[in-house]
Amino acid sequence: MIEVAVKLLQKNNYKITKQRLSLLEYLSHFQEQYINVVAVDKYMHSIYPGMSHNTVYRNIKEFEEVGIIEQRTKDGNASVKYQCDFIHQHHHHFICKQCGKVQEVEMCPLDYFEKQLPGCRIDEHHFELYGLCADCIKLSKDMSN
């Protein structure tokens, strides 16, 4: 997966630095759940103490722009996850409220909403489903027995 990300960066004329590679490597561990951007920043500073906060945040923004990571904001906190589908970058997620696991949802409801808004133009949308994943449901059933 990192090779695809490196190719995307090169295609978009970004240099492949050791800091960017370290950031890619770290973020690649978060393909199935979001991580707070502050935690990413702290991790990068633990490896590169002289790296500025602006550099970390700029790289995160650039990674999002080229489709390497997905970003969301919830309760004022920015979180990111590594792209789970480089082929179909437009997709939606189910997010477990207990363990934070993220699963890709293939269907997009945009057509449904466009039909309800005749004459309007929808420029962007974000669609997330929240609940308990199958593992957490099983775990809670096992604990209650």
C-alpha atoms as a PDB file:
ATOM      1  CA  MET A   1       0.000   0.000   0.000  1.00  0.00           C
ATOM      2  CA  ILE A   2       2.840   2.425   0.666  1.00  0.00           C
ATOM      3  CA  GLU A   3       4.109   1.924  -2.886  1.00  0.00           C
ATOM      4  CA  VAL A   4       0.773   3.198  -4.252  1.00  0.00           C
ATOM      5  CA  ALA A   5       0.980   6.239  -1.976  1.00  0.00           C
ATOM      6  CA  VAL A   6       4.563   6.973  -3.062  1.00  0.00           C
ATOM      7  CA  LYS A   7       3.501   6.797  -6.720  1.00  0.00           C
ATOM      8  CA  LEU A   8       0.634   9.200  -6.020  1.00  0.00           C
ATOM      9  CA  LEU A   9       3.021  11.653  -4.380  1.00  0.00           C
ATOM     10  CA  GLN A  10       5.485  11.403  -7.277  1.00  0.00           C
ATOM     11  CA  LYS A  11       2.672  11.802  -9.830  1.00  0.00           C
ATOM     12  CA  ASN A  12       1.704  15.028  -8.042  1.00  0.00           C
ATOM     13  CA  ASN A  13       5.338  16.286  -7.993  1.00  0.00           C
ATOM     14  CA  TYR A  14       6.029  15.816  -4.283  1.00  0.00           C
ATOM     15  CA  LYS A  15       9.507  14.839  -3.114  1.00  0.00           C
ATOM     16  CA  ILE A  16       9.825  11.533  -1.308  1.00  0.00           C
ATOM     17  CA  THR A  17      11.618  12.462   1.912  1.00  0.00           C
ATOM     18  CA  LYS A  18      12.428  10.215   4.847  1.00  0.00           C
ATOM     19  CA  GLN A  19       9.935  12.207   6.955  1.00  0.00           C
ATOM     20  CA  ARG A  20       7.156  11.625   4.409  1.00  0.00           C
ATOM     21  CA  LEU A  21       8.021   7.929   4.229  1.00  0.00           C
ATOM     22  CA  SER A  22       7.918   7.685   8.031  1.00  0.00           C
ATOM     23  CA  LEU A  23       4.556   9.439   8.080  1.00  0.00           C
ATOM     24  CA  LEU A  24       3.205   7.106   5.382  1.00  0.00           C
ATOM     25  CA  GLU A  25       4.483   4.062   7.254  1.00  0.00           C
ATOM     26  CA  TYR A  26       2.848   5.211  10.479  1.00  0.00           C
ATOM     27  CA  LEU A  27      -0.470   6.146   8.873  1.00  0.00           C
ATOM     28  CA  SER A  28      -0.612   2.840   6.969  1.00  0.00           C
ATOM     29  CA  HIS A  29      -1.305   1.164  10.329  1.00  0.00           C
ATOM     30  CA  PHE A  30      -4.570   3.135  10.523  1.00  0.00           C
ATOM     31  CA  GLN A  31      -6.456   1.824   7.534  1.00  0.00           C
ATOM     32  CA  GLU A  32      -9.336   0.460   9.613  1.00  0.00           C
ATOM     33  CA  GLN A  33      -9.691   3.256  12.141  1.00  0.00           C
ATOM     34  CA  TYR A  34      -9.196   6.994  12.466  1.00  0.00           C
ATOM     35  CA  ILE A  35      -6.398   8.492  14.533  1.00  0.00           C
ATOM     36  CA  ASN A  36      -6.404  11.975  15.989  1.00  0.00           C
ATOM     37  CA  VAL A  37      -4.129  14.381  14.083  1.00  0.00           C
ATOM     38  CA  VAL A  38      -2.578  15.527  17.383  1.00  0.00           C
ATOM     39  CA  ALA A  39      -1.446  11.929  18.050  1.00  0.00           C
ATOM     40  CA  VAL A  40       0.101  11.772  14.560  1.00  0.00           C
ATOM     41  CA  ASP A  41       1.925  15.036  15.262  1.00  0.00           C
ATOM     42  CA  LYS A  42       3.234  13.719  18.612  1.00  0.00           C
ATOM     43  CA  TYR A  43       4.443  10.506  16.965  1.00  0.00           C
ATOM     44  CA  MET A  44       6.304  12.388  14.235  1.00  0.00           C
ATOM     45  CA  HIS A  45       7.941  14.631  16.848  1.00  0.00           C
ATOM     46  CA  SER A  46       9.089  11.580  18.789  1.00  0.00           C
ATOM     47  CA  ILE A  47      11.035  10.458  15.700  1.00  0.00           C
ATOM     48  CA  TYR A  48      12.007  13.889  14.320  1.00  0.00           C
ATOM     49  CA  PRO A  49      12.190  16.317  17.277  1.00  0.00           C
ATOM     50  CA  GLY A  50      13.142  19.218  15.001  1.00  0.00           C
ATOM     51  CA  MET A  51      10.186  18.726  12.662  1.00  0.00           C
ATOM     52  CA  SER A  52       7.759  21.648  12.902  1.00  0.00           C
ATOM     53  CA  HIS A  53       4.068  21.214  13.604  1.00  0.00           C
ATOM     54  CA  ASN A  54       3.378  23.095  10.360  1.00  0.00           C
ATOM     55  CA  THR A  55       5.335  20.497   8.373  1.00  0.00           C
ATOM     56  CA  VAL A  56       3.333  17.626   9.878  1.00  0.00           C
ATOM     57  CA  TYR A  57       0.004  19.328   9.260  1.00  0.00           C
ATOM     58  CA  ARG A  58       1.017  20.433   5.748  1.00  0.00           C
ATOM     59  CA  ASN A  59       1.967  16.852   4.858  1.00  0.00           C
ATOM     60  CA  ILE A  60      -1.345  15.569   6.217  1.00  0.00           C
ATOM     61  CA  LYS A  61      -3.177  18.148   4.082  1.00  0.00           C
ATOM     62  CA  GLU A  62      -1.157  17.181   0.992  1.00  0.00           C
ATOM     63  CA  PHE A  63      -1.768  13.468   1.628  1.00  0.00           C
ATOM     64  CA  GLU A  64      -5.489  14.170   1.781  1.00  0.00           C
ATOM     65  CA  GLU A  65      -5.441  16.268  -1.398  1.00  0.00           C
ATOM     66  CA  VAL A  66      -3.837  13.448  -3.427  1.00  0.00           C
ATOM     67  CA  GLY A  67      -6.071  10.768  -1.880  1.00  0.00           C
ATOM     68  CA  ILE A  68      -3.613   8.942   0.385  1.00  0.00           C
ATOM     69  CA  ILE A  69      -5.548   9.593   3.568  1.00  0.00           C
ATOM     70  CA  GLU A  70      -9.119  10.369   4.505  1.00  0.00           C
ATOM     71  CA  GLN A  71      -9.848  13.093   7.019  1.00  0.00           C
ATOM     72  CA  ARG A  72     -12.859  13.809   9.169  1.00  0.00           C
ATOM     73  CA  THR A  73     -13.724  16.209  11.928  1.00  0.00           C
ATOM     74  CA  LYS A  74     -15.889  15.168  14.827  1.00  0.00           C
ATOM     75  CA  ASP A  75     -16.576  17.324  17.867  1.00  0.00           C
ATOM     76  CA  GLY A  76     -13.978  19.817  16.605  1.00  0.00           C
ATOM     77  CA  ASN A  77     -11.202  17.215  16.503  1.00  0.00           C
ATOM     78  CA  ALA A  78      -9.521  16.327  13.210  1.00  0.00           C
ATOM     79  CA  SER A  79      -8.765  12.659  12.616  1.00  0.00           C
ATOM     80  CA  VAL A  80      -7.233  10.821   9.679  1.00  0.00           C
ATOM     81  CA  LYS A  81      -6.996   7.290   8.375  1.00  0.00           C
ATOM     82  CA  TYR A  82      -5.043   5.713   5.580  1.00  0.00           C
ATOM     83  CA  GLN A  83      -7.000   5.320   2.347  1.00  0.00           C
ATOM     84  CA  CYS A  84      -8.862   2.018   2.362  1.00  0.00           C
ATOM     85  CA  ASP A  85      -9.645   2.012  -1.360  1.00  0.00           C
ATOM     86  CA  PHE A  86      -7.196   3.661  -3.752  1.00  0.00           C
ATOM     87  CA  ILE A  87      -9.259   2.529  -6.762  1.00  0.00           C
ATOM     88  CA  HIS A  88     -12.629   3.906  -5.597  1.00  0.00           C
ATOM     89  CA  GLN A  89     -11.661   6.923  -3.551  1.00  0.00           C
ATOM     90  CA  HIS A  90     -15.247   8.130  -3.290  1.00  0.00           C
ATOM     91  CA  HIS A  91     -16.827   5.841  -0.729  1.00  0.00           C
ATOM     92  CA  HIS A  92     -18.481   5.943   2.662  1.00  0.00           C
ATOM     93  CA  HIS A  93     -17.926   4.299   6.035  1.00  0.00           C
ATOM     94  CA  PHE A  94     -19.555   2.425   8.861  1.00  0.00           C
ATOM     95  CA  ILE A  95     -17.764   3.344  12.108  1.00  0.00           C
ATOM     96  CA  CYS A  96     -18.104   1.254  15.256  1.00  0.00           C
ATOM     97  CA  LYS A  97     -18.891   3.487  18.225  1.00  0.00           C
ATOM     98  CA  GLN A  98     -17.282   1.039  20.638  1.00  0.00           C
ATOM     99  CA  CYS A  99     -13.965  -0.051  19.073  1.00  0.00           C
ATOM    100  CA  GLY A 100     -13.604   2.587  16.330  1.00  0.00           C
ATOM    101  CA  LYS A 101     -13.220   0.051  13.516  1.00  0.00           C
ATOM    102  CA  VAL A 102     -14.036   1.500  10.096  1.00  0.00           C
ATOM    103  CA  GLN A 103     -15.628  -0.541   7.316  1.00  0.00           C
ATOM    104  CA  GLU A 104     -16.130   0.665   3.758  1.00  0.00           C
ATOM    105  CA  VAL A 105     -19.702   1.027   2.496  1.00  0.00           C
ATOM    106  CA  GLU A 106     -19.850   0.611  -1.264  1.00  0.00           C
ATOM    107  CA  MET A 107     -23.216   2.214  -2.009  1.00  0.00           C
ATOM    108  CA  CYS A 108     -23.460   6.006  -2.334  1.00  0.00           C
ATOM    109  CA  PRO A 109     -26.831   7.589  -1.468  1.00  0.00           C
ATOM    110  CA  LEU A 110     -26.251  10.750  -3.532  1.00  0.00           C
ATOM    111  CA  ASP A 111     -28.781   9.791  -6.261  1.00  0.00           C
ATOM    112  CA  TYR A 112     -31.455   9.399  -3.588  1.00  0.00           C
ATOM    113  CA  PHE A 113     -30.860  12.928  -2.289  1.00  0.00           C
ATOM    114  CA  GLU A 114     -30.553  14.518  -5.734  1.00  0.00           C
ATOM    115  CA  LYS A 115     -34.043  13.231  -6.610  1.00  0.00           C
ATOM    116  CA  GLN A 116     -35.412  15.038  -3.534  1.00  0.00           C
ATOM    117  CA  LEU A 117     -33.754  18.331  -4.516  1.00  0.00           C
ATOM    118  CA  PRO A 118     -34.825  19.077  -8.105  1.00  0.00           C
ATOM    119  CA  GLY A 119     -33.014  22.052  -9.611  1.00  0.00           C
ATOM    120  CA  CYS A 120     -30.320  22.013  -6.941  1.00  0.00           C
ATOM    121  CA  ARG A 121     -26.656  21.172  -7.342  1.00  0.00           C
ATOM    122  CA  ILE A 122     -24.909  19.172  -4.628  1.00  0.00           C
ATOM    123  CA  ASP A 123     -21.203  20.040  -4.602  1.00  0.00           C
ATOM    124  CA  GLU A 124     -20.007  17.617  -1.944  1.00  0.00           C
ATOM    125  CA  HIS A 125     -21.236  15.232   0.687  1.00  0.00           C
ATOM    126  CA  HIS A 126     -20.008  13.055   3.536  1.00  0.00           C
ATOM    127  CA  PHE A 127     -21.917   9.996   4.632  1.00  0.00           C
ATOM    128  CA  GLU A 128     -21.049   7.905   7.680  1.00  0.00           C
ATOM    129  CA  LEU A 129     -23.001   5.234   9.501  1.00  0.00           C
ATOM    130  CA  TYR A 130     -22.426   4.658  13.223  1.00  0.00           C
ATOM    131  CA  GLY A 131     -23.262   1.667  15.377  1.00  0.00           C
ATOM    132  CA  LEU A 132     -21.675  -1.490  16.752  1.00  0.00           C
ATOM    133  CA  CYS A 133     -19.610  -3.796  14.546  1.00  0.00           C
ATOM    134  CA  ALA A 134     -20.243  -7.537  14.473  1.00  0.00           C
ATOM    135  CA  ASP A 135     -17.209  -8.219  16.713  1.00  0.00           C
ATOM    136  CA  CYS A 136     -18.379  -5.795  19.417  1.00  0.00           C
ATOM    137  CA  ILE A 137     -21.916  -7.193  19.319  1.00  0.00           C
ATOM    138  CA  LYS A 138     -20.545 -10.721  19.679  1.00  0.00           C
ATOM    139  CA  LEU A 139     -18.251  -9.629  22.514  1.00  0.00           C
ATOM    140  CA  SER A 140     -21.126  -7.969  24.412  1.00  0.00           C
ATOM    141  CA  LYS A 141     -23.295 -11.090  23.963  1.00  0.00           C
ATOM    142  CA  ASP A 142     -20.439 -13.321  25.186  1.00  0.00           C
ATOM    143  CA  MET A 143     -19.932 -11.113  28.260  1.00  0.00           C
ATOM    144  CA  SER A 144     -23.632 -11.190  29.155  1.00  0.00           C
ATOM    145  CA  ASN A 145     -23.694 -15.028  29.133  1.00  0.00           C
END
